[in-house]
Amino acid sequence: MQYEIVLPADYDMGTIERRVATRAGATDDFPGLGLKAYAVRRRGRFGSALNAYAPFYFWADPAGMVRFLQGPFRAIVDDFGRPAVRHWVALARHRGPGATSTPVLATRESSTLAADLAPAGAIAEHVRTPALGAGVHSQVVGLDPSRWEVVRFTLWSAAPARLPADAVAFEVLHVSDPELHRLLPA
C-alpha cells in the first residue's frame, strides 16, 4: 500500500526528515507489517518535479493494514488530511542480492495491462522472476484489478547508475521491517 502527500515546491523537507526521525520507531515492531519504507520525493532529485512524503508498506498480514489505518494512520490524517491510499494484491516477491543492506532508494514502475490480452497471460508476463542486480534489496510486484495495473516496487541498497525507464524514484529515510522474513524467506 502507498499514499503520497504532495508538498509545496518550497516546503522544508527537513520537517519530514525530523518527523521520520522522531516517529519511525513506532512501526519497527508493528504486528503484521512486513516492511515500511519511509520514502520521500524531492524536487530536482532523481528526476522528481515535486516534493512529497510517500511511504509504502508491504503487509505480511492484511489485518495489520486494517489495524494501522484505524490506529497510527490518524497522525497522518491529523497533520495532512486524509490522503487516498492505494493498495495492490501482491503477485510476486523477490529477495535481491543486497537484502542484508539497508535500502536507500526505492523505485515504483507501473504499467497498464493491455485490454486485448487475457488477464492471466498479461499478469504472468510481469511476474517472471527478474535478474536482480547487486544493488537490489528486494522487489514486490502487485496488481490493482480496479485499474488492471501492475506496479513494481524495488528497494535499492545502493542507488543504481541508471534508474529503470519511467520509474518514479523515492529516497528512503528509514525502514521498519518487523515481519519481512514472512514475505521474503531466506
N, C-alpha and C. Protein backbone atom coordinates (compact mmCIF):
# COMPACT_ATOMS: atom_id res chain seq x y z
N MET A 1 0.86 -1.17 0.00
CA MET A 1 0.00 0.00 0.00
C MET A 1 0.90 1.23 0.00
N GLN A 2 0.38 2.31 -0.56
CA GLN A 2 1.13 3.56 -0.56
C GLN A 2 0.17 4.74 -0.61
N TYR A 3 0.54 5.79 0.07
CA TYR A 3 -0.13 7.08 -0.07
C TYR A 3 0.95 8.10 -0.34
N GLU A 4 0.59 9.12 -1.08
CA GLU A 4 1.57 10.14 -1.44
C GLU A 4 1.00 11.51 -1.11
N ILE A 5 1.69 12.24 -0.26
CA ILE A 5 1.27 13.57 0.14
C ILE A 5 2.17 14.56 -0.58
N VAL A 6 1.62 15.21 -1.59
CA VAL A 6 2.39 16.19 -2.37
C VAL A 6 2.51 17.46 -1.54
N LEU A 7 3.72 17.99 -1.47
CA LEU A 7 4.04 19.16 -0.65
C LEU A 7 4.42 20.33 -1.55
N PRO A 8 4.31 21.55 -1.05
CA PRO A 8 4.68 22.72 -1.86
C PRO A 8 6.14 22.66 -2.33
N ALA A 9 6.41 23.31 -3.44
CA ALA A 9 7.76 23.31 -4.02
C ALA A 9 8.80 23.87 -3.06
N ASP A 10 8.40 24.82 -2.22
CA ASP A 10 9.35 25.43 -1.28
C ASP A 10 9.25 24.83 0.12
N TYR A 11 8.61 23.69 0.24
CA TYR A 11 8.44 23.04 1.54
C TYR A 11 9.79 22.63 2.10
N ASP A 12 10.00 22.85 3.37
CA ASP A 12 11.24 22.45 4.04
C ASP A 12 11.18 20.94 4.29
N MET A 13 11.84 20.16 3.45
CA MET A 13 11.80 18.71 3.59
C MET A 13 12.47 18.24 4.89
N GLY A 14 13.21 19.14 5.54
CA GLY A 14 13.77 18.83 6.85
C GLY A 14 12.67 18.55 7.86
N THR A 15 11.49 19.13 7.65
CA THR A 15 10.34 18.87 8.52
C THR A 15 9.95 17.40 8.44
N ILE A 16 9.94 16.86 7.24
CA ILE A 16 9.61 15.43 7.07
C ILE A 16 10.73 14.57 7.64
N GLU A 17 11.98 14.97 7.42
CA GLU A 17 13.10 14.20 7.98
C GLU A 17 13.01 14.13 9.50
N ARG A 18 12.67 15.27 10.15
CA ARG A 18 12.53 15.28 11.61
C ARG A 18 11.34 14.42 12.05
N ARG A 19 10.25 14.49 11.29
CA ARG A 19 9.07 13.67 11.60
C ARG A 19 9.46 12.19 11.59
N VAL A 20 10.15 11.77 10.54
CA VAL A 20 10.56 10.38 10.43
C VAL A 20 11.53 10.02 11.56
N ALA A 21 12.49 10.88 11.83
CA ALA A 21 13.49 10.59 12.87
C ALA A 21 12.85 10.40 14.25
N THR A 22 11.78 11.13 14.52
CA THR A 22 11.16 11.06 15.84
C THR A 22 10.01 10.06 15.94
N ARG A 23 9.43 9.65 14.80
CA ARG A 23 8.25 8.79 14.85
C ARG A 23 8.42 7.41 14.21
N ALA A 24 9.43 7.22 13.42
CA ALA A 24 9.56 5.97 12.65
C ALA A 24 9.68 4.74 13.53
N GLY A 25 10.26 4.87 14.68
CA GLY A 25 10.43 3.72 15.56
C GLY A 25 9.12 3.06 15.96
N ALA A 26 8.01 3.78 15.83
CA ALA A 26 6.71 3.24 16.22
C ALA A 26 6.28 2.06 15.35
N THR A 27 6.83 1.95 14.14
CA THR A 27 6.45 0.82 13.27
C THR A 27 7.53 -0.26 13.24
N ASP A 28 8.60 -0.10 13.99
CA ASP A 28 9.68 -1.08 13.96
C ASP A 28 9.25 -2.46 14.47
N ASP A 29 8.15 -2.51 15.22
CA ASP A 29 7.65 -3.81 15.69
C ASP A 29 6.14 -3.93 15.50
N PHE A 30 5.61 -3.24 14.48
CA PHE A 30 4.16 -3.24 14.25
C PHE A 30 3.69 -4.61 13.77
N PRO A 31 2.72 -5.22 14.45
CA PRO A 31 2.25 -6.55 14.07
C PRO A 31 1.65 -6.59 12.66
N GLY A 32 2.07 -7.57 11.89
CA GLY A 32 1.56 -7.76 10.54
C GLY A 32 2.29 -6.98 9.47
N LEU A 33 3.21 -6.11 9.86
CA LEU A 33 3.95 -5.30 8.90
C LEU A 33 5.19 -6.05 8.44
N GLY A 34 5.26 -6.31 7.14
CA GLY A 34 6.47 -6.90 6.58
C GLY A 34 7.56 -5.85 6.48
N LEU A 35 7.21 -4.72 5.83
CA LEU A 35 8.20 -3.66 5.64
C LEU A 35 7.49 -2.34 5.38
N LYS A 36 7.97 -1.29 5.98
CA LYS A 36 7.53 0.08 5.67
C LYS A 36 8.77 0.86 5.29
N ALA A 37 8.72 1.48 4.12
CA ALA A 37 9.80 2.38 3.68
C ALA A 37 9.29 3.80 3.83
N TYR A 38 9.91 4.54 4.71
CA TYR A 38 9.58 5.96 4.88
C TYR A 38 10.26 6.68 3.71
N ALA A 39 9.47 6.99 2.71
CA ALA A 39 10.02 7.46 1.44
C ALA A 39 9.58 8.89 1.12
N VAL A 40 10.47 9.60 0.44
CA VAL A 40 10.17 10.96 0.01
C VAL A 40 10.62 11.17 -1.43
N ARG A 41 9.97 12.12 -2.06
CA ARG A 41 10.42 12.62 -3.36
C ARG A 41 10.84 14.06 -3.11
N ARG A 42 11.95 14.45 -3.71
CA ARG A 42 12.44 15.83 -3.57
C ARG A 42 12.55 16.45 -4.95
N ARG A 43 12.00 17.61 -5.06
CA ARG A 43 12.02 18.34 -6.33
C ARG A 43 13.47 18.50 -6.79
N GLY A 44 13.73 18.10 -8.05
CA GLY A 44 15.05 18.24 -8.64
C GLY A 44 16.00 17.09 -8.38
N ARG A 45 15.57 16.09 -7.61
CA ARG A 45 16.43 14.94 -7.34
C ARG A 45 15.82 13.69 -7.95
N PHE A 46 16.62 12.91 -8.60
CA PHE A 46 16.18 11.68 -9.25
C PHE A 46 15.01 11.93 -10.20
N GLY A 47 15.03 13.09 -10.85
CA GLY A 47 14.02 13.41 -11.86
C GLY A 47 12.68 13.85 -11.32
N SER A 48 12.56 14.09 -10.02
CA SER A 48 11.27 14.48 -9.45
C SER A 48 10.96 15.95 -9.72
N ALA A 49 9.73 16.20 -10.12
CA ALA A 49 9.26 17.57 -10.35
C ALA A 49 8.57 18.13 -9.10
N LEU A 50 8.51 17.33 -8.03
CA LEU A 50 7.78 17.78 -6.85
C LEU A 50 8.38 17.22 -5.57
N ASN A 51 7.93 17.80 -4.47
CA ASN A 51 8.25 17.29 -3.14
C ASN A 51 7.06 16.47 -2.67
N ALA A 52 7.33 15.36 -2.02
CA ALA A 52 6.24 14.54 -1.50
C ALA A 52 6.74 13.64 -0.38
N TYR A 53 5.85 13.35 0.54
CA TYR A 53 6.06 12.30 1.53
C TYR A 53 5.24 11.12 1.03
N ALA A 54 5.87 9.99 0.77
CA ALA A 54 5.19 8.88 0.09
C ALA A 54 5.64 7.52 0.62
N PRO A 55 5.36 7.22 1.89
CA PRO A 55 5.78 5.92 2.41
C PRO A 55 5.02 4.79 1.74
N PHE A 56 5.63 3.62 1.71
CA PHE A 56 4.92 2.45 1.22
C PHE A 56 5.17 1.27 2.14
N TYR A 57 4.24 0.35 2.09
CA TYR A 57 4.15 -0.75 3.04
C TYR A 57 3.99 -2.06 2.29
N PHE A 58 4.66 -3.09 2.78
CA PHE A 58 4.43 -4.46 2.33
C PHE A 58 3.88 -5.19 3.56
N TRP A 59 2.64 -5.57 3.49
CA TRP A 59 1.99 -6.20 4.64
C TRP A 59 2.14 -7.71 4.60
N ALA A 60 2.54 -8.29 5.73
CA ALA A 60 2.61 -9.73 5.87
C ALA A 60 1.24 -10.29 6.24
N ASP A 61 0.38 -9.41 6.75
CA ASP A 61 -0.95 -9.80 7.20
C ASP A 61 -1.91 -8.65 6.92
N PRO A 62 -2.95 -8.86 6.12
CA PRO A 62 -3.89 -7.78 5.82
C PRO A 62 -4.54 -7.18 7.06
N ALA A 63 -4.69 -7.97 8.11
CA ALA A 63 -5.26 -7.44 9.35
C ALA A 63 -4.36 -6.35 9.94
N GLY A 64 -3.05 -6.46 9.71
CA GLY A 64 -2.13 -5.42 10.16
C GLY A 64 -2.40 -4.10 9.45
N MET A 65 -2.70 -4.16 8.16
CA MET A 65 -3.03 -2.96 7.41
C MET A 65 -4.27 -2.29 7.99
N VAL A 66 -5.27 -3.08 8.31
CA VAL A 66 -6.50 -2.53 8.89
C VAL A 66 -6.21 -1.89 10.24
N ARG A 67 -5.43 -2.57 11.09
CA ARG A 67 -5.07 -2.00 12.40
C ARG A 67 -4.32 -0.69 12.23
N PHE A 68 -3.42 -0.64 11.25
CA PHE A 68 -2.67 0.59 11.01
C PHE A 68 -3.59 1.73 10.57
N LEU A 69 -4.47 1.45 9.61
CA LEU A 69 -5.36 2.50 9.11
C LEU A 69 -6.34 2.98 10.18
N GLN A 70 -6.70 2.12 11.12
CA GLN A 70 -7.61 2.50 12.20
C GLN A 70 -6.88 3.13 13.39
N GLY A 71 -5.55 3.00 13.42
CA GLY A 71 -4.79 3.50 14.56
C GLY A 71 -3.77 4.55 14.20
N PRO A 72 -2.51 4.16 14.02
CA PRO A 72 -1.43 5.13 13.81
C PRO A 72 -1.60 6.04 12.59
N PHE A 73 -2.37 5.61 11.60
CA PHE A 73 -2.60 6.44 10.41
C PHE A 73 -3.27 7.77 10.79
N ARG A 74 -3.89 7.80 11.95
CA ARG A 74 -4.57 9.01 12.44
C ARG A 74 -3.60 10.20 12.47
N ALA A 75 -2.33 9.97 12.76
CA ALA A 75 -1.35 11.06 12.81
C ALA A 75 -1.18 11.71 11.43
N ILE A 76 -1.22 10.92 10.37
CA ILE A 76 -1.15 11.47 9.01
C ILE A 76 -2.38 12.31 8.73
N VAL A 77 -3.55 11.75 9.06
CA VAL A 77 -4.81 12.46 8.82
C VAL A 77 -4.83 13.79 9.59
N ASP A 78 -4.39 13.76 10.85
CA ASP A 78 -4.37 14.98 11.66
C ASP A 78 -3.44 16.04 11.09
N ASP A 79 -2.29 15.63 10.56
CA ASP A 79 -1.29 16.59 10.09
C ASP A 79 -1.44 17.01 8.63
N PHE A 80 -1.98 16.12 7.79
CA PHE A 80 -2.00 16.40 6.35
C PHE A 80 -3.38 16.23 5.70
N GLY A 81 -4.38 15.80 6.45
CA GLY A 81 -5.65 15.44 5.85
C GLY A 81 -5.61 13.98 5.46
N ARG A 82 -6.73 13.45 4.98
CA ARG A 82 -6.79 12.03 4.67
C ARG A 82 -6.46 11.80 3.19
N PRO A 83 -5.26 11.28 2.92
CA PRO A 83 -4.88 11.02 1.53
C PRO A 83 -5.52 9.73 1.02
N ALA A 84 -5.61 9.62 -0.29
CA ALA A 84 -6.04 8.36 -0.89
C ALA A 84 -4.94 7.33 -0.63
N VAL A 85 -5.33 6.13 -0.28
CA VAL A 85 -4.39 5.05 -0.01
C VAL A 85 -4.54 4.02 -1.13
N ARG A 86 -3.51 3.89 -1.93
CA ARG A 86 -3.51 2.88 -2.99
C ARG A 86 -3.05 1.56 -2.38
N HIS A 87 -3.62 0.48 -2.85
CA HIS A 87 -3.17 -0.83 -2.40
C HIS A 87 -3.31 -1.82 -3.54
N TRP A 88 -2.46 -2.81 -3.48
CA TRP A 88 -2.35 -3.80 -4.54
C TRP A 88 -2.34 -5.19 -3.93
N VAL A 89 -2.71 -6.16 -4.73
CA VAL A 89 -2.59 -7.56 -4.35
C VAL A 89 -1.18 -7.99 -4.77
N ALA A 90 -0.44 -8.55 -3.85
CA ALA A 90 0.93 -8.98 -4.17
C ALA A 90 0.89 -10.19 -5.09
N LEU A 91 1.62 -10.07 -6.20
CA LEU A 91 1.73 -11.17 -7.16
C LEU A 91 3.04 -11.92 -7.01
N ALA A 92 4.09 -11.18 -6.67
CA ALA A 92 5.42 -11.80 -6.54
C ALA A 92 6.26 -10.98 -5.59
N ARG A 93 7.15 -11.67 -4.91
CA ARG A 93 8.11 -11.02 -4.01
C ARG A 93 9.47 -11.66 -4.26
N HIS A 94 10.47 -10.81 -4.38
CA HIS A 94 11.81 -11.31 -4.69
C HIS A 94 12.82 -10.71 -3.73
N ARG A 95 13.70 -11.55 -3.22
CA ARG A 95 14.83 -11.09 -2.40
C ARG A 95 15.98 -10.82 -3.35
N GLY A 96 16.60 -9.65 -3.20
CA GLY A 96 17.73 -9.31 -4.05
C GLY A 96 19.06 -9.61 -3.37
N PRO A 97 20.14 -9.52 -4.11
CA PRO A 97 21.47 -9.77 -3.55
C PRO A 97 21.85 -8.77 -2.45
N GLY A 98 21.21 -7.59 -2.44
CA GLY A 98 21.51 -6.58 -1.43
C GLY A 98 20.58 -6.61 -0.23
N ALA A 99 19.88 -7.72 -0.02
CA ALA A 99 18.86 -7.81 1.03
C ALA A 99 19.39 -7.65 2.45
N THR A 100 20.68 -7.84 2.65
CA THR A 100 21.23 -7.69 4.00
C THR A 100 21.64 -6.25 4.30
N SER A 101 21.56 -5.38 3.30
CA SER A 101 21.90 -3.96 3.49
C SER A 101 20.63 -3.13 3.64
N THR A 102 20.76 -1.97 4.21
CA THR A 102 19.62 -1.07 4.40
C THR A 102 19.31 -0.35 3.10
N PRO A 103 18.04 -0.37 2.66
CA PRO A 103 17.68 0.34 1.44
C PRO A 103 17.85 1.86 1.58
N VAL A 104 18.31 2.49 0.50
CA VAL A 104 18.50 3.94 0.48
C VAL A 104 17.63 4.60 -0.59
N LEU A 105 17.12 3.81 -1.52
CA LEU A 105 16.34 4.33 -2.63
C LEU A 105 15.27 3.30 -2.98
N ALA A 106 14.16 3.78 -3.51
CA ALA A 106 13.11 2.88 -3.98
C ALA A 106 12.62 3.41 -5.32
N THR A 107 12.15 2.52 -6.15
CA THR A 107 11.52 2.93 -7.40
C THR A 107 10.17 2.24 -7.52
N ARG A 108 9.27 2.94 -8.20
CA ARG A 108 7.94 2.41 -8.49
C ARG A 108 7.73 2.50 -9.98
N GLU A 109 7.46 1.35 -10.59
CA GLU A 109 7.17 1.30 -12.02
C GLU A 109 5.75 0.78 -12.17
N SER A 110 4.98 1.41 -13.02
CA SER A 110 3.60 1.00 -13.24
C SER A 110 3.35 0.76 -14.71
N SER A 111 2.50 -0.22 -15.00
CA SER A 111 2.08 -0.43 -16.38
C SER A 111 0.66 -0.97 -16.38
N THR A 112 -0.11 -0.49 -17.35
CA THR A 112 -1.48 -0.94 -17.50
C THR A 112 -1.49 -2.16 -18.40
N LEU A 113 -2.24 -3.16 -17.99
CA LEU A 113 -2.32 -4.38 -18.79
C LEU A 113 -3.14 -4.11 -20.05
N ALA A 114 -2.67 -4.61 -21.16
CA ALA A 114 -3.36 -4.42 -22.43
C ALA A 114 -4.76 -5.03 -22.36
N ALA A 115 -5.74 -4.27 -22.80
CA ALA A 115 -7.14 -4.71 -22.72
C ALA A 115 -7.43 -5.92 -23.60
N ASP A 116 -6.65 -6.11 -24.63
CA ASP A 116 -6.92 -7.22 -25.55
C ASP A 116 -6.24 -8.53 -25.14
N LEU A 117 -5.56 -8.52 -24.00
CA LEU A 117 -4.91 -9.75 -23.51
C LEU A 117 -5.70 -10.32 -22.34
N ALA A 118 -5.75 -11.63 -22.26
CA ALA A 118 -6.38 -12.28 -21.11
C ALA A 118 -5.58 -11.93 -19.86
N PRO A 119 -6.24 -11.64 -18.75
CA PRO A 119 -5.51 -11.24 -17.53
C PRO A 119 -4.41 -12.21 -17.13
N ALA A 120 -4.65 -13.52 -17.20
CA ALA A 120 -3.65 -14.49 -16.75
C ALA A 120 -2.35 -14.36 -17.53
N GLY A 121 -2.43 -14.26 -18.84
CA GLY A 121 -1.22 -14.14 -19.66
C GLY A 121 -0.51 -12.82 -19.44
N ALA A 122 -1.27 -11.75 -19.33
CA ALA A 122 -0.68 -10.42 -19.14
C ALA A 122 0.00 -10.32 -17.78
N ILE A 123 -0.64 -10.90 -16.77
CA ILE A 123 -0.06 -10.87 -15.42
C ILE A 123 1.20 -11.72 -15.38
N ALA A 124 1.16 -12.91 -15.95
CA ALA A 124 2.31 -13.82 -15.92
C ALA A 124 3.55 -13.16 -16.51
N GLU A 125 3.36 -12.34 -17.51
CA GLU A 125 4.49 -11.65 -18.14
C GLU A 125 5.20 -10.73 -17.16
N HIS A 126 4.45 -10.14 -16.22
CA HIS A 126 5.02 -9.20 -15.25
C HIS A 126 5.59 -9.89 -14.01
N VAL A 127 5.21 -11.13 -13.79
CA VAL A 127 5.57 -11.81 -12.55
C VAL A 127 6.85 -12.63 -12.67
N ARG A 128 7.29 -12.90 -13.89
CA ARG A 128 8.51 -13.69 -14.06
C ARG A 128 9.63 -13.17 -13.16
N THR A 129 10.38 -14.08 -12.61
CA THR A 129 11.48 -13.69 -11.73
C THR A 129 12.53 -12.93 -12.53
N PRO A 130 12.77 -11.68 -12.13
CA PRO A 130 13.73 -10.86 -12.87
C PRO A 130 15.17 -11.17 -12.45
N ALA A 131 16.10 -10.74 -13.26
CA ALA A 131 17.52 -10.81 -12.88
C ALA A 131 17.77 -9.56 -12.04
N LEU A 132 17.97 -9.75 -10.76
CA LEU A 132 18.14 -8.61 -9.86
C LEU A 132 19.62 -8.30 -9.68
N GLY A 133 19.98 -7.06 -9.91
CA GLY A 133 21.37 -6.63 -9.80
C GLY A 133 21.84 -6.55 -8.36
N ALA A 134 23.14 -6.37 -8.21
CA ALA A 134 23.79 -6.37 -6.89
C ALA A 134 23.20 -5.34 -5.93
N GLY A 135 22.72 -4.22 -6.43
CA GLY A 135 22.21 -3.17 -5.55
C GLY A 135 20.76 -3.33 -5.13
N VAL A 136 20.10 -4.39 -5.56
CA VAL A 136 18.68 -4.57 -5.25
C VAL A 136 18.52 -5.27 -3.90
N HIS A 137 17.79 -4.63 -3.01
CA HIS A 137 17.45 -5.21 -1.72
C HIS A 137 16.31 -6.22 -1.89
N SER A 138 15.21 -5.76 -2.49
CA SER A 138 14.05 -6.61 -2.70
C SER A 138 13.12 -5.97 -3.72
N GLN A 139 12.14 -6.76 -4.15
CA GLN A 139 11.20 -6.26 -5.14
C GLN A 139 9.85 -6.94 -4.90
N VAL A 140 8.79 -6.15 -5.00
CA VAL A 140 7.43 -6.67 -4.88
C VAL A 140 6.65 -6.22 -6.09
N VAL A 141 5.91 -7.15 -6.68
CA VAL A 141 5.05 -6.86 -7.83
C VAL A 141 3.61 -7.01 -7.36
N GLY A 142 2.80 -5.99 -7.65
CA GLY A 142 1.41 -6.01 -7.23
C GLY A 142 0.47 -5.70 -8.37
N LEU A 143 -0.80 -6.04 -8.16
CA LEU A 143 -1.84 -5.82 -9.15
C LEU A 143 -2.97 -5.02 -8.54
N ASP A 144 -3.39 -3.98 -9.24
CA ASP A 144 -4.60 -3.23 -8.90
C ASP A 144 -5.65 -3.63 -9.93
N PRO A 145 -6.56 -4.57 -9.58
CA PRO A 145 -7.52 -5.04 -10.58
C PRO A 145 -8.59 -4.01 -10.92
N SER A 146 -8.73 -2.95 -10.12
CA SER A 146 -9.70 -1.92 -10.48
C SER A 146 -9.22 -1.08 -11.67
N ARG A 147 -7.91 -1.06 -11.86
CA ARG A 147 -7.30 -0.32 -12.98
C ARG A 147 -6.60 -1.26 -13.96
N TRP A 148 -6.52 -2.53 -13.65
CA TRP A 148 -5.73 -3.50 -14.39
C TRP A 148 -4.32 -2.95 -14.60
N GLU A 149 -3.74 -2.58 -13.48
CA GLU A 149 -2.41 -2.00 -13.47
C GLU A 149 -1.49 -2.88 -12.63
N VAL A 150 -0.30 -3.11 -13.14
CA VAL A 150 0.73 -3.83 -12.40
C VAL A 150 1.74 -2.79 -11.93
N VAL A 151 2.13 -2.91 -10.68
CA VAL A 151 3.13 -1.99 -10.12
C VAL A 151 4.28 -2.82 -9.58
N ARG A 152 5.49 -2.32 -9.77
CA ARG A 152 6.70 -3.00 -9.30
C ARG A 152 7.46 -2.02 -8.40
N PHE A 153 7.53 -2.38 -7.12
CA PHE A 153 8.32 -1.60 -6.16
C PHE A 153 9.67 -2.30 -6.00
N THR A 154 10.74 -1.55 -6.19
CA THR A 154 12.08 -2.10 -5.99
C THR A 154 12.79 -1.26 -4.94
N LEU A 155 13.31 -1.93 -3.93
CA LEU A 155 14.13 -1.27 -2.92
C LEU A 155 15.59 -1.51 -3.30
N TRP A 156 16.35 -0.44 -3.24
CA TRP A 156 17.77 -0.49 -3.65
C TRP A 156 18.65 -0.23 -2.43
N SER A 157 19.62 -1.11 -2.21
CA SER A 157 20.59 -0.91 -1.14
C SER A 157 21.68 0.07 -1.56
N ALA A 158 21.76 0.33 -2.85
CA ALA A 158 22.65 1.34 -3.42
C ALA A 158 21.94 1.91 -4.64
N ALA A 159 22.05 3.21 -4.82
CA ALA A 159 21.39 3.84 -5.97
C ALA A 159 21.97 3.27 -7.27
N PRO A 160 21.11 2.88 -8.20
CA PRO A 160 21.61 2.35 -9.46
C PRO A 160 22.22 3.45 -10.31
N ALA A 161 23.14 3.09 -11.18
CA ALA A 161 23.75 4.07 -12.08
C ALA A 161 22.68 4.70 -12.98
N ARG A 162 21.71 3.89 -13.38
CA ARG A 162 20.58 4.37 -14.19
C ARG A 162 19.29 3.84 -13.58
N LEU A 163 18.32 4.74 -13.46
CA LEU A 163 17.02 4.31 -12.96
C LEU A 163 16.28 3.56 -14.07
N PRO A 164 15.41 2.64 -13.70
CA PRO A 164 14.59 1.98 -14.73
C PRO A 164 13.78 3.03 -15.49
N ALA A 165 13.54 2.79 -16.77
CA ALA A 165 12.77 3.72 -17.59
C ALA A 165 11.39 3.94 -16.98
N ASP A 166 10.95 5.18 -16.96
CA ASP A 166 9.62 5.56 -16.45
C ASP A 166 9.40 5.26 -14.98
N ALA A 167 10.45 5.04 -14.22
CA ALA A 167 10.31 4.76 -12.79
C ALA A 167 10.20 6.08 -12.02
N VAL A 168 9.41 6.05 -10.97
CA VAL A 168 9.35 7.15 -10.01
C VAL A 168 10.30 6.75 -8.88
N ALA A 169 11.22 7.64 -8.54
CA ALA A 169 12.22 7.32 -7.52
C ALA A 169 11.90 8.01 -6.19
N PHE A 170 12.21 7.32 -5.11
CA PHE A 170 11.98 7.81 -3.76
C PHE A 170 13.24 7.61 -2.94
N GLU A 171 13.62 8.61 -2.18
CA GLU A 171 14.70 8.43 -1.22
C GLU A 171 14.09 7.76 0.01
N VAL A 172 14.78 6.79 0.56
CA VAL A 172 14.29 6.08 1.73
C VAL A 172 15.00 6.64 2.96
N LEU A 173 14.21 7.18 3.89
CA LEU A 173 14.76 7.79 5.10
C LEU A 173 14.89 6.80 6.24
N HIS A 174 14.03 5.80 6.27
CA HIS A 174 14.04 4.80 7.35
C HIS A 174 13.27 3.58 6.86
N VAL A 175 13.64 2.43 7.34
CA VAL A 175 12.92 1.20 7.02
C VAL A 175 12.56 0.49 8.32
N SER A 176 11.28 0.15 8.44
CA SER A 176 10.81 -0.73 9.51
C SER A 176 10.47 -2.05 8.84
N ASP A 177 11.02 -3.15 9.34
CA ASP A 177 10.77 -4.44 8.69
C ASP A 177 10.57 -5.57 9.70
N PRO A 178 9.61 -5.41 10.61
CA PRO A 178 9.46 -6.40 11.68
C PRO A 178 9.11 -7.81 11.22
N GLU A 179 8.39 -7.96 10.10
CA GLU A 179 8.00 -9.29 9.66
C GLU A 179 8.40 -9.53 8.20
N LEU A 180 9.50 -8.93 7.79
CA LEU A 180 9.98 -9.11 6.43
C LEU A 180 10.27 -10.59 6.14
N HIS A 181 10.70 -11.32 7.16
CA HIS A 181 11.00 -12.75 6.98
C HIS A 181 9.77 -13.54 6.51
N ARG A 182 8.56 -13.05 6.80
CA ARG A 182 7.35 -13.72 6.32
C ARG A 182 7.11 -13.48 4.84
N LEU A 183 7.62 -12.38 4.32
CA LEU A 183 7.44 -12.04 2.91
C LEU A 183 8.58 -12.53 2.04
N LEU A 184 9.78 -12.43 2.56
CA LEU A 184 10.99 -12.79 1.80
C LEU A 184 11.79 -13.82 2.58
N PRO A 185 11.40 -15.07 2.56
CA PRO A 185 12.18 -16.08 3.28
C PRO A 185 13.62 -16.14 2.74
N ALA A 186 14.51 -16.48 3.60
CA ALA A 186 15.94 -16.56 3.21
C ALA A 186 16.19 -17.60 2.17
